[in-house]
Amino acid sequence: MYSYRQTRGGSLPGTGRWVGGNQWREATDAPQRLFCFSHAGGGAAFFRPWRTALAPAIDVRPVQLPGRECRFDEPPYRRMDQLLEPLCAALEPYLDRPYALFGHSMGSLVAYEIACRFSEGSGPAPSCLIVSGRRGPRIPSDHRLLHRLPDAEFLTEVGRLGGMPQEVLDEPDLLAIILRALRADFELTETYRPPHGARLASAVAAYMGTTDPEVDRCGLDGWRQETTGPFTARVFPGGHFYLKGDRPDVLRAVAQDLAGARLPRQKATEGSSTTV
């Protein structure tokens, strides 16, 4: 198995800070793991309610990127290719059982890239990739670039998505703390270019909210072309952050898609798709 920890001449430091859930015991013996990747500016805490809700069948592992929450002292990444090597290295010790990936918004791109990296190598590929609140990676964006905007204009545009509480927007000191990671995350997504490799064999499910300004149904269906395995599209009531908290309908869909996902080595009928 190719090891990312063998690159650059040795082990990469701090891999234990990337993957959350070690302090939780509800699902340590679960037959499947779910790695969760948050939106721009978000952190592992966003998926904390999922840990108990999906136990004991699924071991939820929120991934913590640098520059936020307990990793505030570390500089955030601004380019996808620079993020992937240490992130893949940190995930490797946790691939001792079947696993799936869930990403929301920016996290969809990170989860997708992780799926591509592990699928192309000799290591285990994910059984399922669930992406949320993001158009397919090969669908061109019609939005203007935000990461270079002045702070006030940048925050106005970010606030339009509805993921930042008004009390945070009204606190300049608090805003200054989170602005660095938030702007870096937008730069990472806005400079991202998809890989030119083979399509995934894993099942892919794509989720969105009915009133999400960032993705429409055509953009969501763009994920269909990223896999030769089964594809499912699901639409939930709500906006860009329709999945906040522990919504039962969202969690049921996640559990259902993970349970129904075929392992990559079990060839699925190419092009099969489901709309829910």
C-alpha atoms as a PDB file:
ATOM      1  CA  MET A   1       0.000   0.000   0.000  1.00  0.00           C
ATOM      2  CA  TYR A   2       1.322   3.441  -0.944  1.00  0.00           C
ATOM      3  CA  SER A   3       1.893   5.491   2.171  1.00  0.00           C
ATOM      4  CA  TYR A   4       1.667   9.259   2.212  1.00  0.00           C
ATOM      5  CA  ARG A   5       3.676   9.171   5.401  1.00  0.00           C
ATOM      6  CA  GLN A   6       6.630   7.886   3.425  1.00  0.00           C
ATOM      7  CA  THR A   7       6.790  11.005   1.270  1.00  0.00           C
ATOM      8  CA  ARG A   8       9.232  13.865   1.769  1.00  0.00           C
ATOM      9  CA  GLY A   9      11.657  11.586   3.504  1.00  0.00           C
ATOM     10  CA  GLY A  10       9.750  10.625   6.630  1.00  0.00           C
ATOM     11  CA  SER A  11       6.693  10.903   8.829  1.00  0.00           C
ATOM     12  CA  LEU A  12       4.587  14.014   8.703  1.00  0.00           C
ATOM     13  CA  PRO A  13       4.150  15.653  12.124  1.00  0.00           C
ATOM     14  CA  GLY A  14       0.879  16.313  13.918  1.00  0.00           C
ATOM     15  CA  THR A  15      -1.269  13.771  12.113  1.00  0.00           C
ATOM     16  CA  GLY A  16      -3.222  13.122  15.325  1.00  0.00           C
ATOM     17  CA  ARG A  17      -4.749  16.621  15.217  1.00  0.00           C
ATOM     18  CA  TRP A  18      -6.575  16.027  11.944  1.00  0.00           C
ATOM     19  CA  VAL A  19      -9.137  13.378  12.902  1.00  0.00           C
ATOM     20  CA  GLY A  20     -11.647  13.941  15.680  1.00  0.00           C
ATOM     21  CA  GLY A  21     -13.696  11.442  17.605  1.00  0.00           C
ATOM     22  CA  ASN A  22     -10.966   9.709  19.601  1.00  0.00           C
ATOM     23  CA  GLN A  23     -12.530  10.950  22.840  1.00  0.00           C
ATOM     24  CA  TRP A  24     -15.933   9.508  21.969  1.00  0.00           C
ATOM     25  CA  ARG A  25     -16.651   5.852  22.642  1.00  0.00           C
ATOM     26  CA  GLU A  26     -20.158   5.372  21.258  1.00  0.00           C
ATOM     27  CA  ALA A  27     -19.049   3.741  18.007  1.00  0.00           C
ATOM     28  CA  THR A  28     -15.415   2.763  18.286  1.00  0.00           C
ATOM     29  CA  ASP A  29     -16.323  -0.806  17.259  1.00  0.00           C
ATOM     30  CA  ALA A  30     -18.625   0.244  14.414  1.00  0.00           C
ATOM     31  CA  PRO A  31     -18.223  -1.759  11.194  1.00  0.00           C
ATOM     32  CA  GLN A  32     -17.893   1.424   9.113  1.00  0.00           C
ATOM     33  CA  ARG A  33     -16.272   4.857   9.480  1.00  0.00           C
ATOM     34  CA  LEU A  34     -17.509   8.132   8.078  1.00  0.00           C
ATOM     35  CA  PHE A  35     -14.995  10.958   7.656  1.00  0.00           C
ATOM     36  CA  CYS A  36     -16.731  14.360   7.545  1.00  0.00           C
ATOM     37  CA  PHE A  37     -15.339  17.526   5.945  1.00  0.00           C
ATOM     38  CA  SER A  38     -16.893  20.882   6.752  1.00  0.00           C
ATOM     39  CA  HIS A  39     -17.679  24.026   4.766  1.00  0.00           C
ATOM     40  CA  ALA A  40     -15.375  27.022   4.323  1.00  0.00           C
ATOM     41  CA  GLY A  41     -14.493  28.434   7.733  1.00  0.00           C
ATOM     42  CA  GLY A  42     -16.130  25.474   9.479  1.00  0.00           C
ATOM     43  CA  GLY A  43     -14.597  22.857  11.720  1.00  0.00           C
ATOM     44  CA  ALA A  44     -15.124  19.460  13.269  1.00  0.00           C
ATOM     45  CA  ALA A  45     -17.728  20.779  15.719  1.00  0.00           C
ATOM     46  CA  PHE A  46     -20.214  21.157  12.854  1.00  0.00           C
ATOM     47  CA  PHE A  47     -20.588  17.364  12.720  1.00  0.00           C
ATOM     48  CA  ARG A  48     -20.551  16.688  16.460  1.00  0.00           C
ATOM     49  CA  PRO A  49     -24.320  15.973  16.628  1.00  0.00           C
ATOM     50  CA  TRP A  50     -23.861  13.234  14.046  1.00  0.00           C
ATOM     51  CA  ARG A  51     -21.579  11.222  16.291  1.00  0.00           C
ATOM     52  CA  THR A  52     -24.283  10.049  18.684  1.00  0.00           C
ATOM     53  CA  ALA A  53     -27.080  10.061  16.101  1.00  0.00           C
ATOM     54  CA  LEU A  54     -25.328   7.577  13.785  1.00  0.00           C
ATOM     55  CA  ALA A  55     -23.813   5.370  16.501  1.00  0.00           C
ATOM     56  CA  PRO A  56     -23.350   2.478  16.972  1.00  0.00           C
ATOM     57  CA  ALA A  57     -23.468   1.443  13.311  1.00  0.00           C
ATOM     58  CA  ILE A  58     -21.255   4.254  11.992  1.00  0.00           C
ATOM     59  CA  ASP A  59     -18.099   5.692  13.552  1.00  0.00           C
ATOM     60  CA  VAL A  60     -18.285   9.392  12.641  1.00  0.00           C
ATOM     61  CA  ARG A  61     -14.884  11.069  12.389  1.00  0.00           C
ATOM     62  CA  PRO A  62     -15.020  14.830  11.762  1.00  0.00           C
ATOM     63  CA  VAL A  63     -11.830  16.083  10.107  1.00  0.00           C
ATOM     64  CA  GLN A  64     -10.232  19.220  11.524  1.00  0.00           C
ATOM     65  CA  LEU A  65      -8.279  21.356   9.068  1.00  0.00           C
ATOM     66  CA  PRO A  66      -5.629  23.813  10.301  1.00  0.00           C
ATOM     67  CA  GLY A  67      -6.555  27.382  11.158  1.00  0.00           C
ATOM     68  CA  ARG A  68      -9.765  26.773  13.156  1.00  0.00           C
ATOM     69  CA  GLU A  69     -11.070  25.536  16.510  1.00  0.00           C
ATOM     70  CA  CYS A  70      -8.350  23.515  18.276  1.00  0.00           C
ATOM     71  CA  ARG A  71      -5.924  24.179  15.386  1.00  0.00           C
ATOM     72  CA  PHE A  72      -6.300  27.937  15.318  1.00  0.00           C
ATOM     73  CA  ASP A  73      -2.560  28.379  15.907  1.00  0.00           C
ATOM     74  CA  GLU A  74      -1.721  26.716  12.571  1.00  0.00           C
ATOM     75  CA  PRO A  75      -1.840  28.498   9.208  1.00  0.00           C
ATOM     76  CA  PRO A  76      -4.688  27.369   6.950  1.00  0.00           C
ATOM     77  CA  TYR A  77      -4.015  25.860   3.547  1.00  0.00           C
ATOM     78  CA  ARG A  78      -4.731  27.935   0.449  1.00  0.00           C
ATOM     79  CA  ARG A  79      -4.138  25.315  -2.247  1.00  0.00           C
ATOM     80  CA  MET A  80      -5.727  21.875  -2.541  1.00  0.00           C
ATOM     81  CA  ASP A  81      -2.557  20.090  -3.671  1.00  0.00           C
ATOM     82  CA  GLN A  82      -0.672  21.296  -0.587  1.00  0.00           C
ATOM     83  CA  LEU A  83      -3.448  20.145   1.746  1.00  0.00           C
ATOM     84  CA  LEU A  84      -3.841  16.625   0.372  1.00  0.00           C
ATOM     85  CA  GLU A  85      -0.483  15.077   1.289  1.00  0.00           C
ATOM     86  CA  PRO A  86      -0.643  15.666   5.070  1.00  0.00           C
ATOM     87  CA  LEU A  87      -4.377  15.009   5.132  1.00  0.00           C
ATOM     88  CA  CYS A  88      -4.062  11.639   3.392  1.00  0.00           C
ATOM     89  CA  ALA A  89      -1.248  10.740   5.768  1.00  0.00           C
ATOM     90  CA  ALA A  90      -3.436  11.545   8.759  1.00  0.00           C
ATOM     91  CA  LEU A  91      -6.325   9.432   7.483  1.00  0.00           C
ATOM     92  CA  GLU A  92      -4.291   6.314   6.673  1.00  0.00           C
ATOM     93  CA  PRO A  93      -4.183   4.896  10.232  1.00  0.00           C
ATOM     94  CA  TYR A  94      -8.005   5.007  10.306  1.00  0.00           C
ATOM     95  CA  LEU A  95      -8.552   2.982   7.123  1.00  0.00           C
ATOM     96  CA  ASP A  96      -8.615  -0.329   8.987  1.00  0.00           C
ATOM     97  CA  ARG A  97     -12.288  -0.925   8.136  1.00  0.00           C
ATOM     98  CA  PRO A  98     -14.727   0.043   5.359  1.00  0.00           C
ATOM     99  CA  TYR A  99     -15.114   3.796   5.246  1.00  0.00           C
ATOM    100  CA  ALA A 100     -17.046   6.553   3.505  1.00  0.00           C
ATOM    101  CA  LEU A 101     -16.534  10.289   3.005  1.00  0.00           C
ATOM    102  CA  PHE A 102     -18.994  13.144   3.537  1.00  0.00           C
ATOM    103  CA  GLY A 103     -18.232  16.714   2.546  1.00  0.00           C
ATOM    104  CA  HIS A 104     -20.326  19.859   2.641  1.00  0.00           C
ATOM    105  CA  SER A 105     -19.651  22.798   0.303  1.00  0.00           C
ATOM    106  CA  MET A 106     -15.843  23.219   0.296  1.00  0.00           C
ATOM    107  CA  GLY A 107     -15.683  19.906   2.133  1.00  0.00           C
ATOM    108  CA  SER A 108     -17.231  18.206  -0.903  1.00  0.00           C
ATOM    109  CA  LEU A 109     -14.153  19.043  -2.968  1.00  0.00           C
ATOM    110  CA  VAL A 110     -11.793  17.888  -0.221  1.00  0.00           C
ATOM    111  CA  ALA A 111     -13.707  14.618   0.220  1.00  0.00           C
ATOM    112  CA  TYR A 112     -13.761  14.085  -3.543  1.00  0.00           C
ATOM    113  CA  GLU A 113     -10.009  14.601  -3.832  1.00  0.00           C
ATOM    114  CA  ILE A 114      -9.378  12.192  -0.956  1.00  0.00           C
ATOM    115  CA  ALA A 115     -11.563   9.616  -2.715  1.00  0.00           C
ATOM    116  CA  CYS A 116      -9.580  10.080  -5.934  1.00  0.00           C
ATOM    117  CA  ARG A 117      -6.218   9.783  -4.202  1.00  0.00           C
ATOM    118  CA  PHE A 118      -7.034   6.582  -2.348  1.00  0.00           C
ATOM    119  CA  SER A 119      -8.880   5.075  -5.316  1.00  0.00           C
ATOM    120  CA  GLU A 120      -5.917   5.627  -7.624  1.00  0.00           C
ATOM    121  CA  GLY A 121      -3.446   4.066  -5.169  1.00  0.00           C
ATOM    122  CA  SER A 122      -3.214   0.520  -3.924  1.00  0.00           C
ATOM    123  CA  GLY A 123      -4.928   1.324  -0.657  1.00  0.00           C
ATOM    124  CA  PRO A 124      -8.625   0.873   0.161  1.00  0.00           C
ATOM    125  CA  ALA A 125     -11.021   3.132  -1.739  1.00  0.00           C
ATOM    126  CA  PRO A 126     -14.120   4.517   0.000  1.00  0.00           C
ATOM    127  CA  SER A 127     -17.334   2.553  -0.301  1.00  0.00           C
ATOM    128  CA  CYS A 128     -19.273   5.774  -0.739  1.00  0.00           C
ATOM    129  CA  LEU A 129     -18.685   9.478  -1.348  1.00  0.00           C
ATOM    130  CA  ILE A 130     -21.440  11.847  -0.222  1.00  0.00           C
ATOM    131  CA  VAL A 131     -21.162  15.447  -1.408  1.00  0.00           C
ATOM    132  CA  SER A 132     -23.401  18.276  -0.282  1.00  0.00           C
ATOM    133  CA  GLY A 133     -24.105  21.862  -1.258  1.00  0.00           C
ATOM    134  CA  ARG A 134     -21.647  21.894  -4.151  1.00  0.00           C
ATOM    135  CA  ARG A 135     -21.935  21.617  -7.920  1.00  0.00           C
ATOM    136  CA  GLY A 136     -19.983  18.870  -9.692  1.00  0.00           C
ATOM    137  CA  PRO A 137     -16.264  19.681  -9.933  1.00  0.00           C
ATOM    138  CA  ARG A 138     -16.342  19.967 -13.750  1.00  0.00           C
ATOM    139  CA  ILE A 139     -19.315  22.324 -13.857  1.00  0.00           C
ATOM    140  CA  PRO A 140     -18.003  25.880 -14.476  1.00  0.00           C
ATOM    141  CA  SER A 141     -18.840  28.463 -11.838  1.00  0.00           C
ATOM    142  CA  ASP A 142     -20.821  31.554 -12.741  1.00  0.00           C
ATOM    143  CA  HIS A 143     -20.010  33.247  -9.410  1.00  0.00           C
ATOM    144  CA  ARG A 144     -17.418  35.989  -9.063  1.00  0.00           C
ATOM    145  CA  LEU A 145     -14.265  35.319  -7.066  1.00  0.00           C
ATOM    146  CA  LEU A 146     -14.649  36.331  -3.443  1.00  0.00           C
ATOM    147  CA  HIS A 147     -11.335  35.625  -1.748  1.00  0.00           C
ATOM    148  CA  ARG A 148      -9.727  38.859  -3.010  1.00  0.00           C
ATOM    149  CA  LEU A 149     -12.555  41.155  -1.964  1.00  0.00           C
ATOM    150  CA  PRO A 150     -12.081  43.715   0.844  1.00  0.00           C
ATOM    151  CA  ASP A 151     -13.082  42.367   4.246  1.00  0.00           C
ATOM    152  CA  ALA A 152     -16.467  44.096   4.489  1.00  0.00           C
ATOM    153  CA  GLU A 153     -17.586  43.053   1.010  1.00  0.00           C
ATOM    154  CA  PHE A 154     -16.212  39.540   1.476  1.00  0.00           C
ATOM    155  CA  LEU A 155     -18.147  39.063   4.723  1.00  0.00           C
ATOM    156  CA  THR A 156     -21.338  40.402   3.159  1.00  0.00           C
ATOM    157  CA  GLU A 157     -21.120  37.784   0.415  1.00  0.00           C
ATOM    158  CA  VAL A 158     -20.318  35.014   2.890  1.00  0.00           C
ATOM    159  CA  GLY A 159     -23.192  36.086   5.128  1.00  0.00           C
ATOM    160  CA  ARG A 160     -25.569  35.697   2.180  1.00  0.00           C
ATOM    161  CA  LEU A 161     -25.135  31.917   2.468  1.00  0.00           C
ATOM    162  CA  GLY A 162     -26.598  31.948   5.970  1.00  0.00           C
ATOM    163  CA  GLY A 163     -23.938  29.916   7.753  1.00  0.00           C
ATOM    164  CA  MET A 164     -22.570  32.681   9.960  1.00  0.00           C
ATOM    165  CA  PRO A 165     -24.626  33.785  12.974  1.00  0.00           C
ATOM    166  CA  GLN A 166     -25.428  37.497  13.081  1.00  0.00           C
ATOM    167  CA  GLU A 167     -23.826  37.767  16.516  1.00  0.00           C
ATOM    168  CA  VAL A 168     -20.524  36.754  14.937  1.00  0.00           C
ATOM    169  CA  LEU A 169     -20.899  39.284  12.129  1.00  0.00           C
ATOM    170  CA  ASP A 170     -21.564  41.958  14.764  1.00  0.00           C
ATOM    171  CA  GLU A 171     -18.361  41.229  16.739  1.00  0.00           C
ATOM    172  CA  PRO A 172     -15.236  42.681  15.041  1.00  0.00           C
ATOM    173  CA  ASP A 173     -12.810  40.876  17.352  1.00  0.00           C
ATOM    174  CA  LEU A 174     -14.453  37.527  16.749  1.00  0.00           C
ATOM    175  CA  LEU A 175     -14.595  38.146  13.016  1.00  0.00           C
ATOM    176  CA  ALA A 176     -10.882  38.866  12.944  1.00  0.00           C
ATOM    177  CA  ILE A 177     -10.236  35.471  14.511  1.00  0.00           C
ATOM    178  CA  ILE A 178     -12.153  33.472  11.913  1.00  0.00           C
ATOM    179  CA  LEU A 179     -11.491  35.657   8.859  1.00  0.00           C
ATOM    180  CA  ARG A 180      -8.063  34.187   8.156  1.00  0.00           C
ATOM    181  CA  ALA A 181      -9.284  30.597   7.742  1.00  0.00           C
ATOM    182  CA  LEU A 182     -12.478  31.669   5.994  1.00  0.00           C
ATOM    183  CA  ARG A 183     -10.661  33.673   3.324  1.00  0.00           C
ATOM    184  CA  ALA A 184      -8.046  30.926   2.887  1.00  0.00           C
ATOM    185  CA  ASP A 185     -10.789  28.334   2.381  1.00  0.00           C
ATOM    186  CA  PHE A 186     -12.444  30.437  -0.302  1.00  0.00           C
ATOM    187  CA  GLU A 187      -9.093  30.850  -2.008  1.00  0.00           C
ATOM    188  CA  LEU A 188      -8.604  27.076  -1.913  1.00  0.00           C
ATOM    189  CA  THR A 189     -11.957  26.404  -3.559  1.00  0.00           C
ATOM    190  CA  GLU A 190     -11.774  29.251  -6.076  1.00  0.00           C
ATOM    191  CA  THR A 191      -8.328  28.191  -7.328  1.00  0.00           C
ATOM    192  CA  TYR A 192      -9.191  24.479  -7.400  1.00  0.00           C
ATOM    193  CA  ARG A 193      -9.018  22.513 -10.636  1.00  0.00           C
ATOM    194  CA  PRO A 194     -10.335  18.904 -10.826  1.00  0.00           C
ATOM    195  CA  PRO A 195      -7.946  16.028 -11.610  1.00  0.00           C
ATOM    196  CA  HIS A 196      -7.658  14.374 -15.036  1.00  0.00           C
ATOM    197  CA  GLY A 197      -7.768  10.768 -13.854  1.00  0.00           C
ATOM    198  CA  ALA A 198     -10.133   7.848 -14.094  1.00  0.00           C
ATOM    199  CA  ARG A 199     -13.605   8.133 -12.642  1.00  0.00           C
ATOM    200  CA  LEU A 200     -14.365   6.731  -9.212  1.00  0.00           C
ATOM    201  CA  ALA A 201     -15.837   3.244  -8.830  1.00  0.00           C
ATOM    202  CA  SER A 202     -17.367   4.124  -5.455  1.00  0.00           C
ATOM    203  CA  ALA A 203     -21.021   4.957  -5.032  1.00  0.00           C
ATOM    204  CA  VAL A 204     -21.645   8.716  -5.081  1.00  0.00           C
ATOM    205  CA  ALA A 205     -24.578  10.530  -3.469  1.00  0.00           C
ATOM    206  CA  ALA A 206     -25.138  14.266  -3.944  1.00  0.00           C
ATOM    207  CA  TYR A 207     -27.281  16.357  -1.559  1.00  0.00           C
ATOM    208  CA  MET A 208     -28.587  19.916  -1.699  1.00  0.00           C
ATOM    209  CA  GLY A 209     -31.163  22.235  -0.126  1.00  0.00           C
ATOM    210  CA  THR A 210     -34.150  23.432  -2.148  1.00  0.00           C
ATOM    211  CA  THR A 211     -33.203  27.120  -1.825  1.00  0.00           C
ATOM    212  CA  ASP A 212     -29.400  26.845  -1.907  1.00  0.00           C
ATOM    213  CA  PRO A 213     -28.002  29.841  -3.856  1.00  0.00           C
ATOM    214  CA  GLU A 214     -24.736  28.015  -4.504  1.00  0.00           C
ATOM    215  CA  VAL A 215     -25.985  24.979  -6.407  1.00  0.00           C
ATOM    216  CA  ASP A 216     -28.943  24.114  -8.608  1.00  0.00           C
ATOM    217  CA  ARG A 217     -30.192  20.715  -9.695  1.00  0.00           C
ATOM    218  CA  CYS A 218     -28.167  20.764 -12.909  1.00  0.00           C
ATOM    219  CA  GLY A 219     -24.991  21.492 -10.957  1.00  0.00           C
ATOM    220  CA  LEU A 220     -25.793  18.757  -8.445  1.00  0.00           C
ATOM    221  CA  ASP A 221     -26.257  16.234 -11.238  1.00  0.00           C
ATOM    222  CA  GLY A 222     -22.753  17.112 -12.406  1.00  0.00           C
ATOM    223  CA  TRP A 223     -21.473  14.677  -9.795  1.00  0.00           C
ATOM    224  CA  ARG A 224     -22.996  11.828 -11.797  1.00  0.00           C
ATOM    225  CA  GLN A 225     -20.084  11.891 -14.253  1.00  0.00           C
ATOM    226  CA  GLU A 226     -17.524  11.387 -11.476  1.00  0.00           C
ATOM    227  CA  THR A 227     -18.294   7.700 -10.920  1.00  0.00           C
ATOM    228  CA  THR A 228     -18.901   4.486 -12.806  1.00  0.00           C
ATOM    229  CA  GLY A 229     -20.769   3.229  -9.751  1.00  0.00           C
ATOM    230  CA  PRO A 230     -24.277   4.012  -8.489  1.00  0.00           C
ATOM    231  CA  PHE A 231     -25.307   7.666  -8.234  1.00  0.00           C
ATOM    232  CA  THR A 232     -28.027   9.108  -5.992  1.00  0.00           C
ATOM    233  CA  ALA A 233     -29.296  12.706  -5.880  1.00  0.00           C
ATOM    234  CA  ARG A 234     -31.237  13.950  -2.859  1.00  0.00           C
ATOM    235  CA  VAL A 235     -32.914  17.311  -2.299  1.00  0.00           C
ATOM    236  CA  PHE A 236     -33.897  18.495   1.207  1.00  0.00           C
ATOM    237  CA  PRO A 237     -35.954  21.462   2.373  1.00  0.00           C
ATOM    238  CA  GLY A 238     -33.710  24.390   3.275  1.00  0.00           C
ATOM    239  CA  GLY A 239     -30.876  26.578   2.075  1.00  0.00           C
ATOM    240  CA  HIS A 240     -27.136  26.123   1.842  1.00  0.00           C
ATOM    241  CA  PHE A 241     -26.911  24.952   5.459  1.00  0.00           C
ATOM    242  CA  TYR A 242     -29.972  22.694   5.366  1.00  0.00           C
ATOM    243  CA  LEU A 243     -28.026  19.978   7.234  1.00  0.00           C
ATOM    244  CA  LYS A 244     -27.281  21.913  10.432  1.00  0.00           C
ATOM    245  CA  GLY A 245     -27.600  19.940  13.645  1.00  0.00           C
ATOM    246  CA  ASP A 246     -29.003  16.427  13.637  1.00  0.00           C
ATOM    247  CA  ARG A 247     -31.912  16.603  11.184  1.00  0.00           C
ATOM    248  CA  PRO A 248     -33.485  13.138  11.164  1.00  0.00           C
ATOM    249  CA  ASP A 249     -34.241  13.148   7.431  1.00  0.00           C
ATOM    250  CA  VAL A 250     -30.647  13.991   6.520  1.00  0.00           C
ATOM    251  CA  LEU A 251     -29.192  11.439   8.917  1.00  0.00           C
ATOM    252  CA  ARG A 252     -31.551   8.738   7.659  1.00  0.00           C
ATOM    253  CA  ALA A 253     -30.406   9.463   4.119  1.00  0.00           C
ATOM    254  CA  VAL A 254     -26.740   9.251   5.133  1.00  0.00           C
ATOM    255  CA  ALA A 255     -27.287   5.940   6.901  1.00  0.00           C
ATOM    256  CA  GLN A 256     -29.263   4.593   3.952  1.00  0.00           C
ATOM    257  CA  ASP A 257     -26.681   5.624   1.374  1.00  0.00           C
ATOM    258  CA  LEU A 258     -23.835   4.133   3.397  1.00  0.00           C
ATOM    259  CA  ALA A 259     -25.728   0.896   3.965  1.00  0.00           C
ATOM    260  CA  GLY A 260     -26.599   0.570   0.298  1.00  0.00           C
ATOM    261  CA  ALA A 261     -23.202   1.487  -1.096  1.00  0.00           C
ATOM    262  CA  ARG A 262     -21.350  -1.291  -2.830  1.00  0.00           C
ATOM    263  CA  LEU A 263     -17.665  -1.740  -2.211  1.00  0.00           C
ATOM    264  CA  PRO A 264     -15.568  -0.625  -5.208  1.00  0.00           C
ATOM    265  CA  ARG A 265     -14.374  -4.167  -5.888  1.00  0.00           C
ATOM    266  CA  GLN A 266     -18.009  -5.209  -6.489  1.00  0.00           C
ATOM    267  CA  LYS A 267     -18.681  -3.829  -9.950  1.00  0.00           C
ATOM    268  CA  ALA A 268     -21.919  -1.906 -10.236  1.00  0.00           C
ATOM    269  CA  THR A 269     -23.951  -1.311 -13.339  1.00  0.00           C
ATOM    270  CA  GLU A 270     -22.332   1.723 -14.933  1.00  0.00           C
ATOM    271  CA  GLY A 271     -24.542   4.769 -15.091  1.00  0.00           C
ATOM    272  CA  SER A 272     -27.166   3.565 -12.624  1.00  0.00           C
ATOM    273  CA  SER A 273     -28.730   6.476 -10.783  1.00  0.00           C
ATOM    274  CA  THR A 274     -31.466   7.308  -8.297  1.00  0.00           C
ATOM    275  CA  THR A 275     -33.266  10.562  -7.563  1.00  0.00           C
ATOM    276  CA  VAL A 276     -34.872  11.092  -4.173  1.00  0.00           C
END
